[in-house]
């Protein structure tokens, strides 16, 4: 009997970590999600290693586990071999790959989460089979996975896709120093902050803005109109610069605000290079929270 090849994929987030074992065709043989350990770097790294071990142990006898792909919510600096992920305790320019390789028996490929998102959607999601794709992730922050000619773009220092720093407002604000203009104006945190004038400083304010807008609240609707304007300009800049076949919209904001897509399409046509805007498709993610996990697996399959 011919052995089947599989890989482990891990999507490490600040809140939870998902792990899966996948065949070449994307079939999942094993899946587990746990809260991300925030005790210390040693604890979070040990958790990742344990999840990989569990996935290997769960593989059928006719399956060979060839490698592991791990995506993380931050900056994977392939030159310095470090990871910076501010929402995981102690991951401050951490030599993550070196530390993990001491604990796992597989070849390891490490990437940023935005690279995983675009790989996942181009493999089995909304952009299936396409080669020029942008995945715009809009949640707590804003980032983009960029694929050109089937290859993920990293940039000189692996910072390509840090589009939260797009300059979209000529009136510079103090908040832009910390997170960039686009992120400060259009992320989930931004929606929540703008909504605090309506609901106060309550947790979940972004979600409440969407609910109030759906119920006809004019102030909430005004906030979302402003956010759509910024999202449309941001997408337009990406379309004009990169000329993708598709821009996939994902992240927590679009789980609550799928109704934003028509406004974003309209604003993109208004601002972008006309022929590129006419040709591009702007679609919601089909994979949702699974985009990163499947992307991690695809990254492993492509590199082992």
Protein backbone atom coordinates (compact mmCIF):
# COMPACT_ATOMS: atom_id res chain seq x y z
CA UNK A 1 0.00 0.00 0.00
CA UNK A 2 1.32 3.45 -0.91
CA UNK A 3 1.63 5.80 2.01
CA UNK A 4 -0.30 9.06 1.88
CA UNK A 5 1.42 12.36 2.66
CA UNK A 6 0.08 14.72 5.30
CA UNK A 7 1.24 17.85 7.09
CA UNK A 8 0.43 19.54 10.38
CA UNK A 9 -0.93 23.08 10.22
CA UNK A 10 -1.07 25.45 13.18
CA UNK A 11 -2.72 28.86 13.36
CA UNK A 12 -1.41 30.54 16.51
CA UNK A 13 -3.44 33.53 17.68
CA UNK A 14 -3.40 35.76 20.70
CA UNK A 15 -6.61 34.17 22.01
CA UNK A 16 -6.66 30.64 20.59
CA UNK A 17 -4.48 28.20 18.68
CA UNK A 18 -5.87 25.80 16.08
CA UNK A 19 -4.06 22.66 14.95
CA UNK A 20 -4.92 20.24 12.17
CA UNK A 21 -3.52 17.33 10.18
CA UNK A 22 -4.20 17.60 6.45
CA UNK A 23 -3.71 15.47 3.36
CA UNK A 24 -2.51 16.89 0.03
CA UNK A 25 -6.13 17.48 -1.06
CA UNK A 26 -7.01 19.46 2.07
CA UNK A 27 -8.89 16.64 3.79
CA UNK A 28 -8.60 17.07 7.56
CA UNK A 29 -7.62 13.96 9.51
CA UNK A 30 -7.40 15.69 12.89
CA UNK A 31 -8.38 19.04 14.39
CA UNK A 32 -8.05 20.66 17.79
CA UNK A 33 -8.42 24.22 19.10
CA UNK A 34 -7.18 25.38 22.51
CA UNK A 35 -6.80 28.73 24.29
CA UNK A 36 -3.33 30.12 23.55
CA UNK A 37 -1.00 29.86 26.54
CA UNK A 38 0.00 33.31 27.76
CA UNK A 39 2.05 32.28 30.81
CA UNK A 40 5.49 32.62 29.22
CA UNK A 41 7.33 31.99 25.93
CA UNK A 42 8.35 28.55 27.18
CA UNK A 43 4.73 27.67 27.93
CA UNK A 44 3.37 28.84 24.57
CA UNK A 45 6.17 27.10 22.67
CA UNK A 46 5.61 23.94 24.66
CA UNK A 47 1.92 24.12 23.79
CA UNK A 48 2.69 24.32 20.07
CA UNK A 49 5.09 21.37 20.30
CA UNK A 50 2.51 19.31 22.20
CA UNK A 51 -0.17 20.03 19.62
CA UNK A 52 2.15 18.92 16.82
CA UNK A 53 2.95 15.72 18.74
CA UNK A 54 -0.78 15.04 19.21
CA UNK A 55 -1.46 15.53 15.52
CA UNK A 56 1.34 13.14 14.58
CA UNK A 57 0.02 10.56 17.05
CA UNK A 58 -3.47 10.85 15.52
CA UNK A 59 -2.29 10.07 11.98
CA UNK A 60 -3.49 6.78 10.42
CA UNK A 61 -0.95 4.03 9.81
CA UNK A 62 -0.85 4.63 6.05
CA UNK A 63 -0.04 8.35 6.47
CA UNK A 64 3.44 9.87 6.55
CA UNK A 65 3.56 13.26 8.27
CA UNK A 66 6.06 15.23 6.20
CA UNK A 67 6.26 18.58 8.00
CA UNK A 68 4.52 21.32 9.93
CA UNK A 69 3.45 24.83 8.94
CA UNK A 70 2.96 27.39 11.71
CA UNK A 71 1.50 30.86 11.22
CA UNK A 72 1.69 33.55 13.89
CA UNK A 73 0.01 36.95 14.42
CA UNK A 74 2.95 39.24 13.88
CA UNK A 75 6.25 39.81 12.15
CA UNK A 76 8.20 36.73 11.06
CA UNK A 77 11.66 38.08 10.22
CA UNK A 78 13.28 35.38 8.10
CA UNK A 79 16.62 37.20 7.99
CA UNK A 80 16.97 37.55 11.75
CA UNK A 81 15.11 34.24 12.38
CA UNK A 82 12.87 35.93 14.95
CA UNK A 83 9.18 36.52 15.58
CA UNK A 84 7.54 39.60 17.05
CA UNK A 85 3.93 39.05 18.13
CA UNK A 86 2.82 41.67 20.67
CA UNK A 87 -0.37 39.85 21.66
CA UNK A 88 1.49 36.73 22.85
CA UNK A 89 3.39 36.99 26.11
CA UNK A 90 7.15 37.32 25.62
CA UNK A 91 7.19 37.02 21.83
CA UNK A 92 9.44 40.04 21.39
CA UNK A 93 11.90 39.21 18.59
CA UNK A 94 11.81 35.61 19.80
CA UNK A 95 13.89 32.91 18.03
CA UNK A 96 10.75 30.82 17.70
CA UNK A 97 11.83 28.49 14.93
CA UNK A 98 15.09 27.59 16.67
CA UNK A 99 13.24 26.92 19.92
CA UNK A 100 10.54 24.80 18.26
CA UNK A 101 12.98 22.75 16.21
CA UNK A 102 14.48 21.45 19.44
CA UNK A 103 11.12 19.97 20.41
CA UNK A 104 9.50 18.64 17.24
CA UNK A 105 10.63 15.82 14.91
CA UNK A 106 9.47 17.45 11.64
CA UNK A 107 10.66 20.05 9.15
CA UNK A 108 9.10 23.35 10.23
CA UNK A 109 7.94 26.29 8.10
CA UNK A 110 7.08 29.51 9.91
CA UNK A 111 5.09 32.40 8.40
CA UNK A 112 2.97 35.40 9.37
CA UNK A 113 -0.76 34.85 9.64
CA UNK A 114 -1.53 37.14 6.70
CA UNK A 115 0.58 34.89 4.45
CA UNK A 116 -1.43 31.94 5.70
CA UNK A 117 -4.75 33.63 4.99
CA UNK A 118 -3.98 34.32 1.35
CA UNK A 119 -2.54 30.83 0.81
CA UNK A 120 -5.61 29.22 2.34
CA UNK A 121 -8.11 31.20 0.25
CA UNK A 122 -6.12 30.60 -2.94
CA UNK A 123 -6.01 26.87 -2.21
CA UNK A 124 -9.53 26.01 -1.09
CA UNK A 125 -11.41 29.28 -0.62
CA UNK A 126 -12.86 32.21 -2.51
CA UNK A 127 -9.71 32.63 -4.65
CA UNK A 128 -9.31 28.93 -5.42
CA UNK A 129 -6.96 28.44 -8.36
CA UNK A 130 -6.08 32.13 -8.73
CA UNK A 131 -2.49 33.39 -8.77
CA UNK A 132 -2.73 37.14 -8.09
CA UNK A 133 -4.65 37.61 -4.86
CA UNK A 134 -4.79 39.98 -1.90
CA UNK A 135 -6.34 38.89 1.39
CA UNK A 136 -7.29 41.96 3.42
CA UNK A 137 -7.70 40.98 7.07
CA UNK A 138 -9.68 43.54 9.06
CA UNK A 139 -10.09 42.69 12.72
CA UNK A 140 -8.41 44.13 15.78
CA UNK A 141 -5.84 45.44 13.30
CA UNK A 142 -5.45 45.50 9.54
CA UNK A 143 -2.99 43.51 7.42
CA UNK A 144 -2.81 41.97 3.96
CA UNK A 145 -1.50 38.74 2.54
CA UNK A 146 -0.25 39.39 -0.99
CA UNK A 147 0.21 36.73 -3.66
CA UNK A 148 1.72 37.63 -7.03
CA UNK A 149 2.19 34.99 -9.76
CA UNK A 150 1.36 32.33 -7.18
CA UNK A 151 4.09 33.44 -4.76
CA UNK A 152 3.54 35.19 -1.44
CA UNK A 153 5.26 38.58 -1.34
CA UNK A 154 7.43 39.13 1.74
CA UNK A 155 9.41 42.29 1.04
CA UNK A 156 12.99 43.10 2.02
CA UNK A 157 12.36 42.72 5.77
CA UNK A 158 9.26 40.48 5.61
CA UNK A 159 7.02 43.48 6.25
CA UNK A 160 5.11 43.46 2.95
CA UNK A 161 1.41 43.54 3.71
CA UNK A 162 1.60 45.88 6.71
CA UNK A 163 -1.16 47.88 5.04
CA UNK A 164 -2.54 49.20 8.29
CA UNK A 165 0.05 51.92 7.67
CA UNK A 166 -1.47 53.07 4.37
CA UNK A 167 -1.70 56.88 4.47
CA UNK A 168 -5.29 57.74 3.56
CA UNK A 169 -5.93 60.95 5.48
CA UNK A 170 -3.82 64.07 4.80
CA UNK A 171 -4.70 65.35 8.27
CA UNK A 172 -2.22 63.44 10.44
CA UNK A 173 -3.58 62.20 13.79
CA UNK A 174 -1.61 61.20 16.86
CA UNK A 175 -3.01 57.66 16.80
CA UNK A 176 -1.37 57.07 13.43
CA UNK A 177 2.08 56.96 15.08
CA UNK A 178 1.22 53.73 16.88
CA UNK A 179 -0.77 51.78 14.30
CA UNK A 180 -0.94 53.64 11.00
CA UNK A 181 -3.74 55.64 9.41
CA UNK A 182 -5.71 52.82 7.76
CA UNK A 183 -5.79 50.73 10.93
CA UNK A 184 -6.64 53.69 13.13
CA UNK A 185 -9.59 54.61 10.92
CA UNK A 186 -11.06 51.28 9.74
CA UNK A 187 -10.12 48.37 12.04
CA UNK A 188 -12.46 46.68 14.50
CA UNK A 189 -10.80 48.58 17.32
CA UNK A 190 -11.39 51.81 15.42
CA UNK A 191 -15.09 51.03 14.99
CA UNK A 192 -15.32 50.28 18.70
CA UNK A 193 -13.51 53.47 19.62
CA UNK A 194 -15.74 55.58 17.38
CA UNK A 195 -18.76 53.79 18.79
CA UNK A 196 -17.79 54.61 22.36
CA UNK A 197 -19.29 58.06 21.84
CA UNK A 198 -22.64 56.27 21.48
CA UNK A 199 -22.32 53.33 23.84
CA UNK A 200 -19.54 54.37 26.19
CA UNK A 201 -16.45 52.28 26.69
CA UNK A 202 -18.18 48.92 26.76
CA UNK A 203 -16.54 45.74 25.53
CA UNK A 204 -17.85 44.62 22.18
CA UNK A 205 -18.55 48.18 21.08
CA UNK A 206 -17.74 47.38 17.43
CA UNK A 207 -20.36 44.65 17.33
CA UNK A 208 -22.87 47.02 18.94
CA UNK A 209 -22.19 49.64 16.26
CA UNK A 210 -23.19 47.10 13.60
CA UNK A 211 -26.29 46.12 15.57
CA UNK A 212 -27.32 49.74 16.08
CA UNK A 213 -26.76 50.55 12.40
CA UNK A 214 -28.94 47.60 11.39
CA UNK A 215 -31.63 48.94 13.76
CA UNK A 216 -31.56 52.34 12.03
CA UNK A 217 -29.35 54.36 14.39
CA UNK A 218 -28.11 57.29 12.29
CA UNK A 219 -24.94 57.86 14.35
CA UNK A 220 -23.91 54.21 14.00
CA UNK A 221 -24.68 54.30 10.30
CA UNK A 222 -22.51 57.40 9.96
CA UNK A 223 -19.60 55.61 11.64
CA UNK A 224 -19.88 52.68 9.23
CA UNK A 225 -20.17 54.98 6.22
CA UNK A 226 -16.87 56.57 7.24
CA UNK A 227 -15.27 53.15 7.77
CA UNK A 228 -16.49 51.98 4.35
CA UNK A 229 -14.94 55.07 2.75
CA UNK A 230 -11.56 54.22 4.28
CA UNK A 231 -11.86 50.52 3.44
CA UNK A 232 -12.78 51.38 -0.13
CA UNK A 233 -9.79 53.69 -0.49
CA UNK A 234 -7.48 51.09 1.01
CA UNK A 235 -8.74 48.37 -1.33
CA UNK A 236 -8.49 50.77 -4.27
CA UNK A 237 -4.84 51.49 -3.47
CA UNK A 238 -4.09 47.77 -3.35
CA UNK A 239 -5.92 47.18 -6.64
CA UNK A 240 -4.11 50.04 -8.40
CA UNK A 241 -0.71 49.01 -7.04
CA UNK A 242 -0.91 45.24 -7.42
CA UNK A 243 -3.57 44.60 -10.10
CA UNK A 244 -4.88 41.41 -8.43
CA UNK A 245 -7.46 39.06 -9.83
CA UNK A 246 -9.26 39.12 -6.50
CA UNK A 247 -9.27 40.90 -3.17
CA UNK A 248 -10.62 38.63 -0.43
CA UNK A 249 -12.07 40.40 2.61
CA UNK A 250 -11.74 38.55 5.91
CA UNK A 251 -11.33 39.05 9.62
CA UNK A 252 -13.69 39.78 12.46
CA UNK A 253 -15.10 43.00 11.02
CA UNK A 254 -16.50 41.14 8.02
CA UNK A 255 -18.02 38.43 10.18
CA UNK A 256 -20.16 41.17 11.73
CA UNK A 257 -20.32 43.48 8.75
CA UNK A 258 -20.70 41.46 5.57
CA UNK A 259 -23.09 44.19 4.41
CA UNK A 260 -20.08 46.51 4.00
CA UNK A 261 -18.88 44.78 0.85
CA UNK A 262 -21.14 46.62 -1.62
CA UNK A 263 -19.99 49.98 -0.32
CA UNK A 264 -16.36 48.89 -0.52
CA UNK A 265 -16.84 47.76 -4.12
CA UNK A 266 -18.45 51.09 -4.96
CA UNK A 267 -15.63 53.10 -3.34
CA UNK A 268 -12.98 50.94 -5.00
CA UNK A 269 -14.42 51.68 -8.46
CA UNK A 270 -14.46 55.36 -7.57
CA UNK A 271 -10.79 55.54 -6.53
CA UNK A 272 -8.86 52.76 -8.29
CA UNK A 273 -7.20 52.60 -11.70
CA UNK A 274 -10.24 52.07 -13.94
CA UNK A 275 -9.22 48.98 -15.88
CA UNK A 276 -7.82 47.24 -12.78
CA UNK A 277 -10.99 48.13 -10.86
CA UNK A 278 -13.17 46.75 -13.65
CA UNK A 279 -11.28 43.46 -13.74
CA UNK A 280 -10.82 42.74 -10.02
CA UNK A 281 -13.29 40.70 -8.00
CA UNK A 282 -13.86 41.73 -4.38
CA UNK A 283 -15.27 38.85 -2.34
CA UNK A 284 -15.80 37.80 1.25
CA UNK A 285 -13.68 34.97 2.62
CA UNK A 286 -15.23 31.55 2.13
CA UNK A 287 -13.03 29.87 4.72
CA UNK A 288 -13.57 32.28 7.62
CA UNK A 289 -11.59 31.23 10.67
CA UNK A 290 -10.26 28.18 8.79
CA UNK A 291 -8.33 30.29 6.25
CA UNK A 292 -5.25 30.55 8.42
CA UNK A 293 -5.19 26.90 9.43
CA UNK A 294 -5.56 25.68 5.85
CA UNK A 295 -3.01 28.25 4.74
CA UNK A 296 -0.52 26.95 7.29
CA UNK A 297 -1.02 23.45 5.90
CA UNK A 298 -0.61 24.67 2.31
CA UNK A 299 2.61 26.47 3.25
CA UNK A 300 3.94 23.22 4.68
CA UNK A 301 2.86 21.20 1.64
CA UNK A 302 4.63 23.67 -0.66
CA UNK A 303 7.90 23.50 1.27
CA UNK A 304 8.45 19.90 2.38
